[in-house]
């Protein structure tokens, strides 16, 4: 969506690929920016690789970039790493984004949060639409925030199931690697992702493929959705699964 929004506003986009271990390539970032660069977006944990970005690398960008650095933490609730929110007092050019769509299971609300210093928030308040969040979404979000213990229980269950699934997938003969995950999904490298048969070794060996294995708690029909119907902030409308 960053790219979509930029294109709508006729903003130049420059991409810097990650390293082979899915971390920031600082040299590539340095090569991509110039005096006109205004924003850098970093997703941590990242999608679809599921890993958290090294804190030191993000701080290197924050310390050496004159523009705003946005750290998207949509999956931070499933991570063993701390949020960058605690660094806001150190970096006036930092914005941290979070959402109620993942761990909170409220994707249908389309509710997100931006954390930043007072100067940046004041600018946001000047340019945002006057009624950018409807009343129903606000009320549901506030009720959700009163049920942190239930959400933490969902998170623990998701992380436990993630570890179990990691172990079971690793036993499969077609699985080459299950990558470490700080999200609610797994990245899995296989030799036969498209269903090629082993009777054609040349064909099978040439199609090493990476799969994203998603087991988000808000997926339609999952047990966790049925449990959510008993929560104090459940409303009789279907919670859409994550895209």
Foldseek 3Di string as FASTA:
>chain_A
DVVVVCVVVVHDDDDFAAPPLRERPVVSVVVRDDPPDAEAEAEAVDPPAQHGYDPVSLVVCLVPDPHAYEYEDQFQLLAPDDDCLVCQVVGQRYKYKYACVFLVVQVVQVDIDIHHDPVVVVVVVVPDDPPNHDPLSVVLVVLSVVPVVVSNVSSVVLNVVVVVVLVVVVPDPQWPDWHDHSGSKTKTWGQQVPPDDVVDVVVSNVDTDIDIGHDTLNDPPDPSVVVCCPDPSDDPDRRHHDD
